[in-house]
Amino acid sequence: MADNPGEPNLLAALAKLAPLTPGIAGAVMSMAFGEHLTVRGKSLSVCFGLACVLWLAPAVIALLGAVWPWGHIPPEVGRAVTFLTGLFGMIVLAGLVPWLTKVAGDPLALLKVRITTGEG
């Protein structure tokens, strides 16, 4: 009993999430920037930050690795990029929420139509 390593599926899932830990920390830490958001807004902001960590951070790391002049990119740089991407994603959404609320309230306010007559 003492040498039971635990559930192997759970350990495998946690091992896959380990590289995302800095990005998750960045997403959660940036909740301080959304003090004007409601609980639903903060939860959406965290989800957007995590989405940036999952999809945007690997692309940024791959692009950075392609132009990295000293061989392979160090893992510390990858973790820093992941952290900053999660932080960036949440801050961007926190800034977009007031604008989205305004658009949702009056979506036609964005349209500016200029009507001209055919007369010269």
N, C-alpha and C. Protein backbone atom coordinates (compact mmCIF):
# COMPACT_ATOMS: atom_id res chain seq x y z
N MET A 1 0.80 -1.19 0.00
CA MET A 1 0.00 0.00 0.00
C MET A 1 0.85 1.26 0.00
N ALA A 2 1.95 1.25 0.72
CA ALA A 2 2.77 2.46 0.84
C ALA A 2 3.47 2.79 -0.47
N ASP A 3 3.69 1.79 -1.33
CA ASP A 3 4.39 2.06 -2.57
C ASP A 3 3.43 2.30 -3.74
N ASN A 4 2.18 2.60 -3.48
CA ASN A 4 1.20 2.89 -4.53
C ASN A 4 1.50 4.26 -5.12
N PRO A 5 1.84 4.36 -6.39
CA PRO A 5 2.21 5.66 -6.98
C PRO A 5 1.02 6.57 -7.26
N GLY A 6 -0.19 6.08 -7.07
CA GLY A 6 -1.35 6.92 -7.33
C GLY A 6 -1.96 6.59 -8.67
N GLU A 7 -2.94 7.33 -9.04
CA GLU A 7 -3.63 7.12 -10.30
C GLU A 7 -2.74 7.56 -11.47
N PRO A 8 -2.36 6.62 -12.36
CA PRO A 8 -1.46 7.00 -13.45
C PRO A 8 -2.09 7.98 -14.44
N ASN A 9 -3.40 7.90 -14.63
CA ASN A 9 -4.05 8.84 -15.56
C ASN A 9 -4.01 10.26 -15.01
N LEU A 10 -4.21 10.40 -13.71
CA LEU A 10 -4.17 11.72 -13.09
C LEU A 10 -2.76 12.30 -13.17
N LEU A 11 -1.77 11.48 -12.91
CA LEU A 11 -0.39 11.96 -12.98
C LEU A 11 -0.02 12.35 -14.42
N ALA A 12 -0.51 11.61 -15.39
CA ALA A 12 -0.23 11.95 -16.78
C ALA A 12 -0.90 13.27 -17.17
N ALA A 13 -2.11 13.48 -16.69
CA ALA A 13 -2.81 14.74 -16.99
C ALA A 13 -2.11 15.91 -16.33
N LEU A 14 -1.65 15.73 -15.09
CA LEU A 14 -0.92 16.81 -14.41
C LEU A 14 0.41 17.09 -15.08
N ALA A 15 1.06 16.06 -15.61
CA ALA A 15 2.33 16.26 -16.30
C ALA A 15 2.13 17.06 -17.59
N LYS A 16 0.98 16.87 -18.25
CA LYS A 16 0.70 17.63 -19.47
C LYS A 16 0.39 19.08 -19.15
N LEU A 17 -0.17 19.35 -17.97
CA LEU A 17 -0.52 20.72 -17.59
C LEU A 17 0.65 21.49 -16.99
N ALA A 18 1.72 20.80 -16.63
CA ALA A 18 2.85 21.45 -15.97
C ALA A 18 3.46 22.60 -16.78
N PRO A 19 3.63 22.49 -18.10
CA PRO A 19 4.19 23.63 -18.84
C PRO A 19 3.26 24.85 -18.87
N LEU A 20 1.98 24.63 -18.62
CA LEU A 20 1.03 25.74 -18.66
C LEU A 20 0.94 26.48 -17.33
N THR A 21 1.60 25.99 -16.30
CA THR A 21 1.49 26.58 -14.97
C THR A 21 1.88 28.05 -14.93
N PRO A 22 2.96 28.49 -15.58
CA PRO A 22 3.25 29.93 -15.55
C PRO A 22 2.18 30.78 -16.21
N GLY A 23 1.61 30.28 -17.29
CA GLY A 23 0.55 31.03 -17.97
C GLY A 23 -0.71 31.10 -17.13
N ILE A 24 -1.04 30.01 -16.45
CA ILE A 24 -2.20 30.01 -15.56
C ILE A 24 -1.96 30.99 -14.43
N ALA A 25 -0.75 31.02 -13.91
CA ALA A 25 -0.42 31.97 -12.85
C ALA A 25 -0.54 33.41 -13.35
N GLY A 26 -0.12 33.66 -14.57
CA GLY A 26 -0.25 35.01 -15.14
C GLY A 26 -1.71 35.39 -15.34
N ALA A 27 -2.52 34.42 -15.75
CA ALA A 27 -3.94 34.71 -15.94
C ALA A 27 -4.61 35.03 -14.61
N VAL A 28 -4.30 34.26 -13.59
CA VAL A 28 -4.92 34.49 -12.29
C VAL A 28 -4.38 35.77 -11.64
N MET A 29 -3.10 36.02 -11.80
CA MET A 29 -2.49 37.20 -11.19
C MET A 29 -3.03 38.50 -11.78
N SER A 30 -3.39 38.47 -13.03
CA SER A 30 -3.86 39.70 -13.66
C SER A 30 -5.30 40.03 -13.30
N MET A 31 -5.93 39.24 -12.46
CA MET A 31 -7.27 39.56 -11.99
C MET A 31 -7.28 40.87 -11.21
N ALA A 32 -6.13 41.29 -10.72
CA ALA A 32 -6.04 42.57 -10.01
C ALA A 32 -6.30 43.74 -10.94
N PHE A 33 -6.09 43.56 -12.26
CA PHE A 33 -6.29 44.64 -13.21
C PHE A 33 -7.76 44.80 -13.59
N GLY A 34 -8.60 43.85 -13.24
CA GLY A 34 -10.01 43.92 -13.62
C GLY A 34 -10.90 44.22 -12.44
N GLU A 35 -10.54 45.21 -11.63
CA GLU A 35 -11.32 45.50 -10.43
C GLU A 35 -12.71 46.02 -10.74
N HIS A 36 -12.94 46.55 -11.92
CA HIS A 36 -14.26 47.04 -12.30
C HIS A 36 -15.13 45.95 -12.90
N LEU A 37 -14.61 44.73 -13.02
CA LEU A 37 -15.37 43.64 -13.62
C LEU A 37 -16.21 42.92 -12.57
N THR A 38 -17.30 42.34 -13.02
CA THR A 38 -18.12 41.51 -12.15
C THR A 38 -17.47 40.13 -12.03
N VAL A 39 -18.09 39.26 -11.25
CA VAL A 39 -17.55 37.91 -11.09
C VAL A 39 -17.58 37.18 -12.44
N ARG A 40 -18.67 37.37 -13.18
CA ARG A 40 -18.75 36.73 -14.50
C ARG A 40 -17.70 37.30 -15.43
N GLY A 41 -17.47 38.61 -15.37
CA GLY A 41 -16.44 39.22 -16.20
C GLY A 41 -15.05 38.72 -15.86
N LYS A 42 -14.78 38.55 -14.56
CA LYS A 42 -13.47 38.02 -14.16
C LYS A 42 -13.30 36.58 -14.59
N SER A 43 -14.37 35.78 -14.48
CA SER A 43 -14.25 34.39 -14.90
C SER A 43 -14.05 34.29 -16.41
N LEU A 44 -14.74 35.14 -17.18
CA LEU A 44 -14.51 35.17 -18.63
C LEU A 44 -13.10 35.64 -18.95
N SER A 45 -12.61 36.57 -18.16
CA SER A 45 -11.26 37.07 -18.36
C SER A 45 -10.22 35.98 -18.10
N VAL A 46 -10.44 35.19 -17.06
CA VAL A 46 -9.53 34.08 -16.77
C VAL A 46 -9.59 33.06 -17.91
N CYS A 47 -10.80 32.77 -18.40
CA CYS A 47 -10.92 31.82 -19.52
C CYS A 47 -10.22 32.35 -20.77
N PHE A 48 -10.32 33.64 -21.02
CA PHE A 48 -9.64 34.23 -22.18
C PHE A 48 -8.12 34.17 -21.99
N GLY A 49 -7.65 34.43 -20.77
CA GLY A 49 -6.23 34.32 -20.49
C GLY A 49 -5.72 32.90 -20.68
N LEU A 50 -6.51 31.92 -20.24
CA LEU A 50 -6.12 30.53 -20.42
C LEU A 50 -6.14 30.13 -21.90
N ALA A 51 -7.10 30.66 -22.64
CA ALA A 51 -7.14 30.39 -24.08
C ALA A 51 -5.90 30.95 -24.77
N CYS A 52 -5.47 32.13 -24.34
CA CYS A 52 -4.23 32.70 -24.89
C CYS A 52 -3.03 31.83 -24.53
N VAL A 53 -3.03 31.29 -23.31
CA VAL A 53 -1.94 30.41 -22.90
C VAL A 53 -1.92 29.15 -23.74
N LEU A 54 -3.09 28.60 -24.03
CA LEU A 54 -3.16 27.35 -24.77
C LEU A 54 -2.85 27.51 -26.26
N TRP A 55 -3.27 28.63 -26.86
CA TRP A 55 -3.13 28.74 -28.31
C TRP A 55 -2.14 29.82 -28.75
N LEU A 56 -2.08 30.93 -28.06
CA LEU A 56 -1.21 32.01 -28.50
C LEU A 56 0.24 31.80 -28.05
N ALA A 57 0.41 31.33 -26.82
CA ALA A 57 1.77 31.16 -26.29
C ALA A 57 2.61 30.17 -27.09
N PRO A 58 2.08 28.99 -27.47
CA PRO A 58 2.91 28.09 -28.29
C PRO A 58 3.32 28.70 -29.62
N ALA A 59 2.44 29.49 -30.22
CA ALA A 59 2.79 30.13 -31.50
C ALA A 59 3.89 31.17 -31.30
N VAL A 60 3.79 31.95 -30.22
CA VAL A 60 4.81 32.96 -29.95
C VAL A 60 6.15 32.29 -29.64
N ILE A 61 6.11 31.20 -28.87
CA ILE A 61 7.34 30.49 -28.54
C ILE A 61 7.96 29.88 -29.79
N ALA A 62 7.14 29.34 -30.69
CA ALA A 62 7.67 28.76 -31.93
C ALA A 62 8.30 29.84 -32.81
N LEU A 63 7.63 31.00 -32.90
CA LEU A 63 8.21 32.10 -33.70
C LEU A 63 9.50 32.62 -33.07
N LEU A 64 9.50 32.72 -31.76
CA LEU A 64 10.71 33.17 -31.08
C LEU A 64 11.84 32.15 -31.23
N GLY A 65 11.48 30.87 -31.18
CA GLY A 65 12.48 29.83 -31.37
C GLY A 65 13.06 29.82 -32.78
N ALA A 66 12.26 30.25 -33.76
CA ALA A 66 12.74 30.28 -35.13
C ALA A 66 13.76 31.38 -35.36
N VAL A 67 13.67 32.46 -34.59
CA VAL A 67 14.60 33.57 -34.79
C VAL A 67 15.61 33.69 -33.65
N TRP A 68 15.59 32.74 -32.72
CA TRP A 68 16.51 32.78 -31.58
C TRP A 68 17.94 32.59 -32.09
N PRO A 69 18.83 33.54 -31.88
CA PRO A 69 20.15 33.47 -32.50
C PRO A 69 21.14 32.52 -31.80
N TRP A 70 20.84 32.02 -30.60
CA TRP A 70 21.80 31.22 -29.85
C TRP A 70 21.40 29.75 -29.77
N GLY A 71 20.88 29.19 -30.82
CA GLY A 71 20.50 27.78 -30.82
C GLY A 71 19.08 27.59 -30.32
N HIS A 72 18.93 26.62 -29.41
CA HIS A 72 17.61 26.32 -28.87
C HIS A 72 17.20 27.37 -27.84
N ILE A 73 15.91 27.65 -27.81
CA ILE A 73 15.39 28.62 -26.85
C ILE A 73 15.39 28.00 -25.45
N PRO A 74 15.87 28.71 -24.44
CA PRO A 74 15.89 28.16 -23.09
C PRO A 74 14.48 27.97 -22.55
N PRO A 75 14.26 26.96 -21.71
CA PRO A 75 12.92 26.74 -21.15
C PRO A 75 12.43 27.90 -20.30
N GLU A 76 13.35 28.64 -19.68
CA GLU A 76 12.95 29.78 -18.87
C GLU A 76 12.29 30.87 -19.72
N VAL A 77 12.80 31.05 -20.92
CA VAL A 77 12.21 32.03 -21.83
C VAL A 77 10.82 31.59 -22.25
N GLY A 78 10.66 30.30 -22.51
CA GLY A 78 9.34 29.78 -22.86
C GLY A 78 8.34 29.96 -21.74
N ARG A 79 8.77 29.71 -20.50
CA ARG A 79 7.88 29.89 -19.36
C ARG A 79 7.54 31.36 -19.17
N ALA A 80 8.49 32.24 -19.39
CA ALA A 80 8.23 33.68 -19.26
C ALA A 80 7.25 34.15 -20.33
N VAL A 81 7.41 33.66 -21.55
CA VAL A 81 6.49 34.02 -22.63
C VAL A 81 5.09 33.51 -22.31
N THR A 82 4.99 32.30 -21.77
CA THR A 82 3.70 31.73 -21.40
C THR A 82 3.04 32.57 -20.31
N PHE A 83 3.81 32.96 -19.31
CA PHE A 83 3.29 33.79 -18.22
C PHE A 83 2.79 35.13 -18.75
N LEU A 84 3.60 35.77 -19.56
CA LEU A 84 3.22 37.08 -20.10
C LEU A 84 2.05 37.00 -21.06
N THR A 85 1.91 35.89 -21.77
CA THR A 85 0.78 35.72 -22.67
C THR A 85 -0.53 35.58 -21.89
N GLY A 86 -0.51 34.83 -20.80
CA GLY A 86 -1.70 34.73 -19.96
C GLY A 86 -2.06 36.06 -19.34
N LEU A 87 -1.06 36.79 -18.90
CA LEU A 87 -1.28 38.11 -18.32
C LEU A 87 -1.84 39.07 -19.38
N PHE A 88 -1.26 39.03 -20.56
CA PHE A 88 -1.70 39.89 -21.66
C PHE A 88 -3.14 39.59 -22.06
N GLY A 89 -3.48 38.30 -22.16
CA GLY A 89 -4.83 37.92 -22.56
C GLY A 89 -5.89 38.44 -21.61
N MET A 90 -5.61 38.36 -20.32
CA MET A 90 -6.60 38.84 -19.35
C MET A 90 -6.69 40.35 -19.35
N ILE A 91 -5.58 41.02 -19.50
CA ILE A 91 -5.61 42.49 -19.50
C ILE A 91 -6.34 43.00 -20.74
N VAL A 92 -6.13 42.36 -21.87
CA VAL A 92 -6.82 42.77 -23.09
C VAL A 92 -8.32 42.59 -22.94
N LEU A 93 -8.75 41.45 -22.41
CA LEU A 93 -10.18 41.24 -22.25
C LEU A 93 -10.77 42.19 -21.22
N ALA A 94 -10.04 42.49 -20.16
CA ALA A 94 -10.54 43.44 -19.16
C ALA A 94 -10.74 44.81 -19.79
N GLY A 95 -9.92 45.17 -20.75
CA GLY A 95 -10.10 46.44 -21.44
C GLY A 95 -11.21 46.40 -22.48
N LEU A 96 -11.46 45.22 -23.03
CA LEU A 96 -12.50 45.11 -24.05
C LEU A 96 -13.91 44.99 -23.48
N VAL A 97 -14.04 44.55 -22.24
CA VAL A 97 -15.36 44.32 -21.66
C VAL A 97 -16.22 45.58 -21.64
N PRO A 98 -15.69 46.75 -21.21
CA PRO A 98 -16.55 47.95 -21.26
C PRO A 98 -16.98 48.31 -22.68
N TRP A 99 -16.11 48.14 -23.64
CA TRP A 99 -16.46 48.42 -25.02
C TRP A 99 -17.51 47.43 -25.53
N LEU A 100 -17.36 46.14 -25.19
CA LEU A 100 -18.34 45.15 -25.61
C LEU A 100 -19.69 45.40 -24.96
N THR A 101 -19.69 45.87 -23.73
CA THR A 101 -20.94 46.20 -23.05
C THR A 101 -21.64 47.35 -23.76
N LYS A 102 -20.87 48.33 -24.17
CA LYS A 102 -21.43 49.47 -24.89
C LYS A 102 -22.00 49.05 -26.24
N VAL A 103 -21.29 48.20 -26.93
CA VAL A 103 -21.74 47.71 -28.24
C VAL A 103 -22.98 46.84 -28.08
N ALA A 104 -23.01 46.01 -27.05
CA ALA A 104 -24.17 45.16 -26.84
C ALA A 104 -25.40 45.98 -26.48
N GLY A 105 -25.21 47.11 -25.81
CA GLY A 105 -26.34 47.96 -25.45
C GLY A 105 -26.90 48.70 -26.65
N ASP A 106 -26.05 49.18 -27.54
CA ASP A 106 -26.48 49.92 -28.72
C ASP A 106 -25.55 49.60 -29.88
N PRO A 107 -25.76 48.46 -30.55
CA PRO A 107 -24.83 48.07 -31.62
C PRO A 107 -24.88 48.99 -32.84
N LEU A 108 -26.00 49.69 -33.03
CA LEU A 108 -26.09 50.57 -34.19
C LEU A 108 -25.32 51.87 -34.00
N ALA A 109 -24.85 52.13 -32.78
CA ALA A 109 -24.09 53.34 -32.53
C ALA A 109 -22.74 53.31 -33.25
N LEU A 110 -22.27 52.12 -33.62
CA LEU A 110 -21.00 52.01 -34.32
C LEU A 110 -21.12 52.35 -35.81
N LEU A 111 -22.33 52.26 -36.32
CA LEU A 111 -22.53 52.54 -37.74
C LEU A 111 -22.66 54.04 -37.96
N LYS A 112 -21.88 54.53 -38.86
CA LYS A 112 -21.97 55.94 -39.24
C LYS A 112 -22.29 55.95 -40.72
N VAL A 113 -23.50 56.33 -40.99
CA VAL A 113 -23.96 56.32 -42.38
C VAL A 113 -24.07 57.74 -42.87
N ARG A 114 -23.54 57.97 -44.03
CA ARG A 114 -23.63 59.29 -44.65
C ARG A 114 -24.48 59.16 -45.89
N ILE A 115 -25.57 59.87 -45.88
CA ILE A 115 -26.50 59.81 -47.01
C ILE A 115 -26.30 61.05 -47.85
N THR A 116 -26.03 60.83 -49.11
CA THR A 116 -25.86 61.96 -50.03
C THR A 116 -26.93 61.87 -51.10
N THR A 117 -27.30 62.99 -51.60
CA THR A 117 -28.26 63.02 -52.68
C THR A 117 -27.51 63.05 -54.00
N GLY A 118 -28.20 62.73 -55.04
CA GLY A 118 -27.59 62.71 -56.37
C GLY A 118 -27.40 64.10 -56.96
N GLU A 119 -27.84 65.13 -56.28
CA GLU A 119 -27.73 66.47 -56.81
C GLU A 119 -26.33 67.00 -56.60
N GLY A 120 -25.82 67.71 -57.53
CA GLY A 120 -24.47 68.19 -57.55
C GLY A 120 -24.18 69.25 -56.64
